[in-house]
């Protein structure tokens, strides 16, 4: 149960960081449309989709590492809109650390990124994959006994 709470806490913190940034809002036409896992039908371009893939470093370890995925979707004649959005996302997330109600510290840094080919002309898809590490504060007492 604690992992679901931390995942919600992390995805909400990142969502808030991205959707309240004035530069990113401007690049995306005034609103940062950020969907969890899958965009809604007929979503207005440009938009973002994100999710977290949880992993376990070791059962006894209070630090957990996972992967944060963020996809940029754009409908434009060239890649410049996508790349401008990417640049601002990198400024906001790469080498970022903070805390939430569920963890005293989390860290995020880029793992890999690049374009994903799409069949439809004018549709640009750029995928970013970040490492995400956090402290499992609520489980530290239990983990000491493992």
C-alpha atoms as a PDB file:
ATOM      1  CA  UNK A   1       0.000   0.000   0.000  1.00  0.00           C
ATOM      2  CA  UNK A   2       2.825   2.421   0.817  1.00  0.00           C
ATOM      3  CA  UNK A   3       4.243   2.117  -2.717  1.00  0.00           C
ATOM      4  CA  UNK A   4       0.931   3.233  -4.237  1.00  0.00           C
ATOM      5  CA  UNK A   5       0.897   6.260  -1.945  1.00  0.00           C
ATOM      6  CA  UNK A   6       4.473   7.190  -2.840  1.00  0.00           C
ATOM      7  CA  UNK A   7       3.799   6.739  -6.551  1.00  0.00           C
ATOM      8  CA  UNK A   8       0.781   9.036  -6.326  1.00  0.00           C
ATOM      9  CA  UNK A   9       2.804  11.505  -4.285  1.00  0.00           C
ATOM     10  CA  UNK A  10       5.662  11.572  -6.807  1.00  0.00           C
ATOM     11  CA  UNK A  11       3.473  11.765  -9.928  1.00  0.00           C
ATOM     12  CA  UNK A  12       1.465  14.587  -8.337  1.00  0.00           C
ATOM     13  CA  UNK A  13       4.594  16.541  -7.386  1.00  0.00           C
ATOM     14  CA  UNK A  14       5.998  16.256 -10.909  1.00  0.00           C
ATOM     15  CA  UNK A  15       2.601  17.083 -12.425  1.00  0.00           C
ATOM     16  CA  UNK A  16       2.409  20.250 -10.319  1.00  0.00           C
ATOM     17  CA  UNK A  17       5.963  21.265 -11.202  1.00  0.00           C
ATOM     18  CA  UNK A  18       5.318  20.936 -14.939  1.00  0.00           C
ATOM     19  CA  UNK A  19       1.772  22.322 -15.154  1.00  0.00           C
ATOM     20  CA  UNK A  20       2.472  25.480 -13.145  1.00  0.00           C
ATOM     21  CA  UNK A  21       5.590  26.557 -15.045  1.00  0.00           C
ATOM     22  CA  UNK A  22       4.843  29.749 -17.002  1.00  0.00           C
ATOM     23  CA  UNK A  23       7.458  29.080 -19.701  1.00  0.00           C
ATOM     24  CA  UNK A  24       6.132  25.585 -20.374  1.00  0.00           C
ATOM     25  CA  UNK A  25       2.568  26.946 -20.428  1.00  0.00           C
ATOM     26  CA  UNK A  26       3.600  29.508 -23.034  1.00  0.00           C
ATOM     27  CA  UNK A  27       5.323  26.887 -25.198  1.00  0.00           C
ATOM     28  CA  UNK A  28       2.197  24.706 -25.060  1.00  0.00           C
ATOM     29  CA  UNK A  29      -0.320  27.392 -26.003  1.00  0.00           C
ATOM     30  CA  UNK A  30      -1.281  28.581 -22.507  1.00  0.00           C
ATOM     31  CA  UNK A  31      -2.047  25.236 -20.846  1.00  0.00           C
ATOM     32  CA  UNK A  32       0.177  22.294 -20.019  1.00  0.00           C
ATOM     33  CA  UNK A  33      -1.972  19.276 -20.888  1.00  0.00           C
ATOM     34  CA  UNK A  34      -0.352  16.448 -18.940  1.00  0.00           C
ATOM     35  CA  UNK A  35      -2.061  13.054 -18.856  1.00  0.00           C
ATOM     36  CA  UNK A  36      -1.324  10.056 -16.698  1.00  0.00           C
ATOM     37  CA  UNK A  37      -0.518   6.900 -18.718  1.00  0.00           C
ATOM     38  CA  UNK A  38      -2.671   7.719 -21.763  1.00  0.00           C
ATOM     39  CA  UNK A  39      -4.059  10.905 -23.338  1.00  0.00           C
ATOM     40  CA  UNK A  40      -7.782  11.442 -23.622  1.00  0.00           C
ATOM     41  CA  UNK A  41      -9.449  10.864 -26.990  1.00  0.00           C
ATOM     42  CA  UNK A  42      -8.861  13.766 -29.408  1.00  0.00           C
ATOM     43  CA  UNK A  43      -6.517  15.532 -26.981  1.00  0.00           C
ATOM     44  CA  UNK A  44      -5.442  18.990 -28.111  1.00  0.00           C
ATOM     45  CA  UNK A  45      -1.826  19.150 -29.289  1.00  0.00           C
ATOM     46  CA  UNK A  46       0.727  19.680 -27.924  1.00  0.00           C
ATOM     47  CA  UNK A  47       0.310  17.467 -24.893  1.00  0.00           C
ATOM     48  CA  UNK A  48       2.364  15.343 -22.506  1.00  0.00           C
ATOM     49  CA  UNK A  49       1.851  11.845 -21.125  1.00  0.00           C
ATOM     50  CA  UNK A  50       3.704  10.506 -18.088  1.00  0.00           C
ATOM     51  CA  UNK A  51       3.959   7.493 -15.798  1.00  0.00           C
ATOM     52  CA  UNK A  52       6.241   5.880 -13.234  1.00  0.00           C
ATOM     53  CA  UNK A  53       7.532   2.321 -13.409  1.00  0.00           C
ATOM     54  CA  UNK A  54       8.374   1.298  -9.858  1.00  0.00           C
ATOM     55  CA  UNK A  55      11.374  -0.967  -9.201  1.00  0.00           C
ATOM     56  CA  UNK A  56      13.029  -2.315  -6.115  1.00  0.00           C
ATOM     57  CA  UNK A  57      16.772  -1.852  -5.556  1.00  0.00           C
ATOM     58  CA  UNK A  58      16.756  -4.348  -2.678  1.00  0.00           C
ATOM     59  CA  UNK A  59      14.178  -5.423  -0.111  1.00  0.00           C
ATOM     60  CA  UNK A  60      16.339  -4.190   2.750  1.00  0.00           C
ATOM     61  CA  UNK A  61      17.246  -0.828   1.201  1.00  0.00           C
ATOM     62  CA  UNK A  62      15.378   2.353   2.231  1.00  0.00           C
ATOM     63  CA  UNK A  63      16.166   3.939  -1.160  1.00  0.00           C
ATOM     64  CA  UNK A  64      14.107   2.888  -4.142  1.00  0.00           C
ATOM     65  CA  UNK A  65      14.890   3.596  -7.786  1.00  0.00           C
ATOM     66  CA  UNK A  66      12.342   3.656 -10.568  1.00  0.00           C
ATOM     67  CA  UNK A  67      11.831   5.082 -14.042  1.00  0.00           C
ATOM     68  CA  UNK A  68       9.776   8.154 -14.889  1.00  0.00           C
ATOM     69  CA  UNK A  69       8.537   8.265 -18.488  1.00  0.00           C
ATOM     70  CA  UNK A  70       7.423  11.486 -20.161  1.00  0.00           C
ATOM     71  CA  UNK A  71       6.251  11.689 -23.778  1.00  0.00           C
ATOM     72  CA  UNK A  72       5.804  14.897 -25.753  1.00  0.00           C
ATOM     73  CA  UNK A  73       3.230  14.854 -28.568  1.00  0.00           C
ATOM     74  CA  UNK A  74       3.083  17.657 -31.114  1.00  0.00           C
ATOM     75  CA  UNK A  75       1.247  18.326 -34.376  1.00  0.00           C
ATOM     76  CA  UNK A  76       3.392  20.816 -36.277  1.00  0.00           C
ATOM     77  CA  UNK A  77       5.189  21.179 -39.618  1.00  0.00           C
ATOM     78  CA  UNK A  78       8.620  20.615 -38.020  1.00  0.00           C
ATOM     79  CA  UNK A  79      10.225  19.383 -34.804  1.00  0.00           C
ATOM     80  CA  UNK A  80      10.889  22.823 -33.293  1.00  0.00           C
ATOM     81  CA  UNK A  81       7.789  22.874 -31.045  1.00  0.00           C
ATOM     82  CA  UNK A  82       8.678  19.461 -29.625  1.00  0.00           C
ATOM     83  CA  UNK A  83      12.300  20.431 -29.068  1.00  0.00           C
ATOM     84  CA  UNK A  84      11.383  23.719 -27.345  1.00  0.00           C
ATOM     85  CA  UNK A  85       9.091  21.849 -24.968  1.00  0.00           C
ATOM     86  CA  UNK A  86      11.826  19.273 -24.353  1.00  0.00           C
ATOM     87  CA  UNK A  87      14.328  21.994 -23.497  1.00  0.00           C
ATOM     88  CA  UNK A  88      12.040  23.459 -20.830  1.00  0.00           C
ATOM     89  CA  UNK A  89      11.180  20.047 -19.394  1.00  0.00           C
ATOM     90  CA  UNK A  90      14.889  19.312 -19.064  1.00  0.00           C
ATOM     91  CA  UNK A  91      15.383  22.648 -17.265  1.00  0.00           C
ATOM     92  CA  UNK A  92      12.604  21.690 -14.837  1.00  0.00           C
ATOM     93  CA  UNK A  93      13.371  18.020 -14.208  1.00  0.00           C
ATOM     94  CA  UNK A  94      16.962  17.041 -15.013  1.00  0.00           C
ATOM     95  CA  UNK A  95      19.020  16.876 -11.796  1.00  0.00           C
ATOM     96  CA  UNK A  96      16.004  18.037  -9.776  1.00  0.00           C
ATOM     97  CA  UNK A  97      15.456  17.004  -6.171  1.00  0.00           C
ATOM     98  CA  UNK A  98      12.661  17.786  -3.757  1.00  0.00           C
ATOM     99  CA  UNK A  99      10.364  16.168  -1.209  1.00  0.00           C
ATOM    100  CA  UNK A 100       6.699  15.233  -0.825  1.00  0.00           C
ATOM    101  CA  UNK A 101       4.487  14.265   2.117  1.00  0.00           C
ATOM    102  CA  UNK A 102       5.480  10.635   1.454  1.00  0.00           C
ATOM    103  CA  UNK A 103       9.264  11.031   1.105  1.00  0.00           C
ATOM    104  CA  UNK A 104      11.854  13.362   2.588  1.00  0.00           C
ATOM    105  CA  UNK A 105      13.821  13.278  -0.658  1.00  0.00           C
ATOM    106  CA  UNK A 106      13.469  12.319  -4.270  1.00  0.00           C
ATOM    107  CA  UNK A 107      15.914  12.854  -7.124  1.00  0.00           C
ATOM    108  CA  UNK A 108      15.291  12.828 -10.864  1.00  0.00           C
ATOM    109  CA  UNK A 109      17.824  12.844 -13.694  1.00  0.00           C
ATOM    110  CA  UNK A 110      17.752  12.031 -17.408  1.00  0.00           C
ATOM    111  CA  UNK A 111      18.444   8.480 -18.530  1.00  0.00           C
ATOM    112  CA  UNK A 112      17.686   8.658 -22.260  1.00  0.00           C
ATOM    113  CA  UNK A 113      15.577  10.637 -24.728  1.00  0.00           C
ATOM    114  CA  UNK A 114      14.820  10.819 -28.430  1.00  0.00           C
ATOM    115  CA  UNK A 115      12.249  10.916 -31.194  1.00  0.00           C
ATOM    116  CA  UNK A 116       9.857   8.012 -31.751  1.00  0.00           C
ATOM    117  CA  UNK A 117       8.842   7.598 -35.429  1.00  0.00           C
ATOM    118  CA  UNK A 118       5.140   8.143 -36.126  1.00  0.00           C
ATOM    119  CA  UNK A 119       3.295   7.139 -39.292  1.00  0.00           C
ATOM    120  CA  UNK A 120       1.178  10.266 -39.553  1.00  0.00           C
ATOM    121  CA  UNK A 121       2.909  13.226 -41.189  1.00  0.00           C
ATOM    122  CA  UNK A 122       3.289  16.253 -38.928  1.00  0.00           C
ATOM    123  CA  UNK A 123       2.895  14.276 -35.702  1.00  0.00           C
ATOM    124  CA  UNK A 124       6.016  14.463 -33.556  1.00  0.00           C
ATOM    125  CA  UNK A 125       6.579  12.131 -30.627  1.00  0.00           C
ATOM    126  CA  UNK A 126       9.522  12.708 -28.323  1.00  0.00           C
ATOM    127  CA  UNK A 127      10.142  10.310 -25.431  1.00  0.00           C
ATOM    128  CA  UNK A 128      12.113  11.121 -22.282  1.00  0.00           C
ATOM    129  CA  UNK A 129      13.087   8.550 -19.707  1.00  0.00           C
ATOM    130  CA  UNK A 130      14.338   9.672 -16.299  1.00  0.00           C
ATOM    131  CA  UNK A 131      15.859   7.851 -13.359  1.00  0.00           C
ATOM    132  CA  UNK A 132      13.854   8.565 -10.228  1.00  0.00           C
ATOM    133  CA  UNK A 133      15.181   7.709  -6.791  1.00  0.00           C
ATOM    134  CA  UNK A 134      13.394   8.279  -3.477  1.00  0.00           C
ATOM    135  CA  UNK A 135      13.678   7.443   0.196  1.00  0.00           C
ATOM    136  CA  UNK A 136      11.057   5.067   1.582  1.00  0.00           C
ATOM    137  CA  UNK A 137      10.638   6.963   4.849  1.00  0.00           C
ATOM    138  CA  UNK A 138       7.517   5.107   5.987  1.00  0.00           C
ATOM    139  CA  UNK A 139       9.291   1.746   5.744  1.00  0.00           C
ATOM    140  CA  UNK A 140      12.702   2.534   7.237  1.00  0.00           C
ATOM    141  CA  UNK A 141      11.842   1.021  10.637  1.00  0.00           C
ATOM    142  CA  UNK A 142      10.599  -2.208   9.033  1.00  0.00           C
ATOM    143  CA  UNK A 143      13.535  -2.429   6.618  1.00  0.00           C
ATOM    144  CA  UNK A 144      16.094  -2.337   9.428  1.00  0.00           C
ATOM    145  CA  UNK A 145      14.911  -5.758  10.554  1.00  0.00           C
ATOM    146  CA  UNK A 146      15.267  -7.434   7.126  1.00  0.00           C
END
